[in-house]
Amino acid sequence: TANAMESTCTRHGLRRSMGRTGVCWDNAGAESLWSTFKHEHYYRHTFATKAELVAAIDKWMASYNSYRRHSSIGMLSPDNYERSLTVSGSDQAA
């Protein structure tokens, strides 16, 4: 399946975000996000159904993206950082 995936991505002009085996930095951002979620929310709550868990993830993610500031993006929330890129881009086009 790895060869099929590689040829399909190449055929469609897609660049895969995978590095070499054993390179720990490939998923560092995603691993950090889910670790934060698990420690701040998941381990502190009990979910009776999958729907409850999905709703909890959705609510936490909205808060994470709207309010939580990140040092790697200048102490802005992800939403504010994205807006700053959009504003900067539209200023340059004008």
C-alpha atoms as a PDB file:
ATOM      1  CA  THR A   1       0.000   0.000   0.000  1.00  0.00           C
ATOM      2  CA  ALA A   2       2.920   2.380   0.602  1.00  0.00           C
ATOM      3  CA  ASN A   3       3.970   2.183  -3.063  1.00  0.00           C
ATOM      4  CA  ALA A   4       0.377   2.681  -4.215  1.00  0.00           C
ATOM      5  CA  MET A   5       0.032   5.732  -1.951  1.00  0.00           C
ATOM      6  CA  GLU A   6       3.288   7.200  -3.227  1.00  0.00           C
ATOM      7  CA  SER A   7       2.360   6.754  -6.887  1.00  0.00           C
ATOM      8  CA  THR A   8      -1.160   8.142  -6.343  1.00  0.00           C
ATOM      9  CA  CYS A   9       0.184  11.247  -4.623  1.00  0.00           C
ATOM     10  CA  THR A  10       2.799  11.738  -7.328  1.00  0.00           C
ATOM     11  CA  ARG A  11       0.203  11.313 -10.083  1.00  0.00           C
ATOM     12  CA  HIS A  12      -2.013  14.005  -8.505  1.00  0.00           C
ATOM     13  CA  GLY A  13       0.848  16.365  -7.692  1.00  0.00           C
ATOM     14  CA  LEU A  14       0.450  16.001  -3.916  1.00  0.00           C
ATOM     15  CA  ARG A  15       3.352  16.370  -1.521  1.00  0.00           C
ATOM     16  CA  ARG A  16       3.116  14.013   1.426  1.00  0.00           C
ATOM     17  CA  SER A  17       3.994  15.318   4.884  1.00  0.00           C
ATOM     18  CA  MET A  18       5.955  12.273   5.917  1.00  0.00           C
ATOM     19  CA  GLY A  19       9.645  12.039   6.570  1.00  0.00           C
ATOM     20  CA  ARG A  20      11.986   9.151   7.039  1.00  0.00           C
ATOM     21  CA  THR A  21      11.229   6.336   9.458  1.00  0.00           C
ATOM     22  CA  GLY A  22      12.304   7.192  12.983  1.00  0.00           C
ATOM     23  CA  VAL A  23      12.230  10.966  12.525  1.00  0.00           C
ATOM     24  CA  CYS A  24      10.361  12.226  15.563  1.00  0.00           C
ATOM     25  CA  TRP A  25       9.567  15.749  14.316  1.00  0.00           C
ATOM     26  CA  ASP A  26       7.066  14.694  11.642  1.00  0.00           C
ATOM     27  CA  ASN A  27       4.094  14.536  13.986  1.00  0.00           C
ATOM     28  CA  ALA A  28       5.337  16.729  16.827  1.00  0.00           C
ATOM     29  CA  GLY A  29       2.599  19.354  16.418  1.00  0.00           C
ATOM     30  CA  ALA A  30      -0.222  16.823  16.290  1.00  0.00           C
ATOM     31  CA  GLU A  31       1.223  14.819  19.172  1.00  0.00           C
ATOM     32  CA  SER A  32       1.495  17.971  21.278  1.00  0.00           C
ATOM     33  CA  LEU A  33      -2.104  18.964  20.523  1.00  0.00           C
ATOM     34  CA  TRP A  34      -3.558  15.561  21.466  1.00  0.00           C
ATOM     35  CA  SER A  35      -1.367  15.286  24.549  1.00  0.00           C
ATOM     36  CA  THR A  36      -2.644  18.655  25.732  1.00  0.00           C
ATOM     37  CA  PHE A  37      -6.251  17.619  25.073  1.00  0.00           C
ATOM     38  CA  LYS A  38      -5.857  14.338  26.930  1.00  0.00           C
ATOM     39  CA  HIS A  39      -4.248  15.930  29.996  1.00  0.00           C
ATOM     40  CA  GLU A  40      -6.465  19.012  30.158  1.00  0.00           C
ATOM     41  CA  HIS A  41      -9.800  17.396  29.348  1.00  0.00           C
ATOM     42  CA  TYR A  42     -10.044  13.709  28.441  1.00  0.00           C
ATOM     43  CA  TYR A  43      -8.529  12.230  31.596  1.00  0.00           C
ATOM     44  CA  ARG A  44     -10.683  14.513  33.764  1.00  0.00           C
ATOM     45  CA  HIS A  45     -14.062  13.478  32.318  1.00  0.00           C
ATOM     46  CA  THR A  46     -16.080  10.356  31.705  1.00  0.00           C
ATOM     47  CA  PHE A  47     -17.944   9.984  28.428  1.00  0.00           C
ATOM     48  CA  ALA A  48     -20.961   7.692  28.231  1.00  0.00           C
ATOM     49  CA  THR A  49     -21.169   7.666  24.444  1.00  0.00           C
ATOM     50  CA  LYS A  50     -19.024   8.318  21.417  1.00  0.00           C
ATOM     51  CA  ALA A  51     -21.278  11.291  20.603  1.00  0.00           C
ATOM     52  CA  GLU A  52     -20.439  12.851  23.990  1.00  0.00           C
ATOM     53  CA  LEU A  53     -16.735  12.432  23.321  1.00  0.00           C
ATOM     54  CA  VAL A  54     -17.019  13.939  19.839  1.00  0.00           C
ATOM     55  CA  ALA A  55     -18.949  16.921  21.253  1.00  0.00           C
ATOM     56  CA  ALA A  56     -16.325  17.369  23.992  1.00  0.00           C
ATOM     57  CA  ILE A  57     -13.509  17.336  21.439  1.00  0.00           C
ATOM     58  CA  ASP A  58     -15.369  19.852  19.278  1.00  0.00           C
ATOM     59  CA  LYS A  59     -15.965  22.187  22.219  1.00  0.00           C
ATOM     60  CA  TRP A  60     -12.384  21.907  23.484  1.00  0.00           C
ATOM     61  CA  MET A  61     -10.948  22.427  20.007  1.00  0.00           C
ATOM     62  CA  ALA A  62     -13.051  25.562  19.506  1.00  0.00           C
ATOM     63  CA  SER A  63     -11.717  26.925  22.782  1.00  0.00           C
ATOM     64  CA  TYR A  64      -8.152  25.874  21.932  1.00  0.00           C
ATOM     65  CA  ASN A  65      -8.281  27.648  18.578  1.00  0.00           C
ATOM     66  CA  SER A  66     -10.125  30.748  19.806  1.00  0.00           C
ATOM     67  CA  TYR A  67      -8.588  31.591  23.158  1.00  0.00           C
ATOM     68  CA  ARG A  68      -5.432  29.666  23.956  1.00  0.00           C
ATOM     69  CA  ARG A  69      -2.306  31.625  23.076  1.00  0.00           C
ATOM     70  CA  HIS A  70       0.680  29.815  21.550  1.00  0.00           C
ATOM     71  CA  SER A  71       4.291  30.857  21.949  1.00  0.00           C
ATOM     72  CA  SER A  72       5.236  29.495  18.520  1.00  0.00           C
ATOM     73  CA  ILE A  73       2.918  32.009  16.785  1.00  0.00           C
ATOM     74  CA  GLY A  74       3.722  35.151  18.751  1.00  0.00           C
ATOM     75  CA  MET A  75       1.400  34.498  21.708  1.00  0.00           C
ATOM     76  CA  LEU A  76      -1.695  34.663  19.510  1.00  0.00           C
ATOM     77  CA  SER A  77      -4.534  32.168  19.408  1.00  0.00           C
ATOM     78  CA  PRO A  78      -4.603  30.077  16.212  1.00  0.00           C
ATOM     79  CA  ASP A  79      -7.734  31.933  15.075  1.00  0.00           C
ATOM     80  CA  ASN A  80      -6.124  35.347  15.612  1.00  0.00           C
ATOM     81  CA  TYR A  81      -2.929  34.197  13.925  1.00  0.00           C
ATOM     82  CA  GLU A  82      -4.872  33.009  10.884  1.00  0.00           C
ATOM     83  CA  ARG A  83      -6.790  36.300  10.761  1.00  0.00           C
ATOM     84  CA  SER A  84      -3.499  38.217  10.896  1.00  0.00           C
ATOM     85  CA  LEU A  85      -2.289  36.299   7.843  1.00  0.00           C
ATOM     86  CA  THR A  86      -5.518  37.014   5.970  1.00  0.00           C
ATOM     87  CA  VAL A  87      -5.361  40.728   6.835  1.00  0.00           C
ATOM     88  CA  SER A  88      -1.684  40.908   5.853  1.00  0.00           C
ATOM     89  CA  GLY A  89      -2.430  39.151   2.576  1.00  0.00           C
ATOM     90  CA  SER A  90      -5.302  41.470   1.685  1.00  0.00           C
ATOM     91  CA  ASP A  91      -3.216  44.540   2.559  1.00  0.00           C
ATOM     92  CA  GLN A  92      -0.529  43.423   0.147  1.00  0.00           C
ATOM     93  CA  ALA A  93      -3.004  42.821  -2.661  1.00  0.00           C
ATOM     94  CA  ALA A  94      -4.545  46.305  -2.316  1.00  0.00           C
END
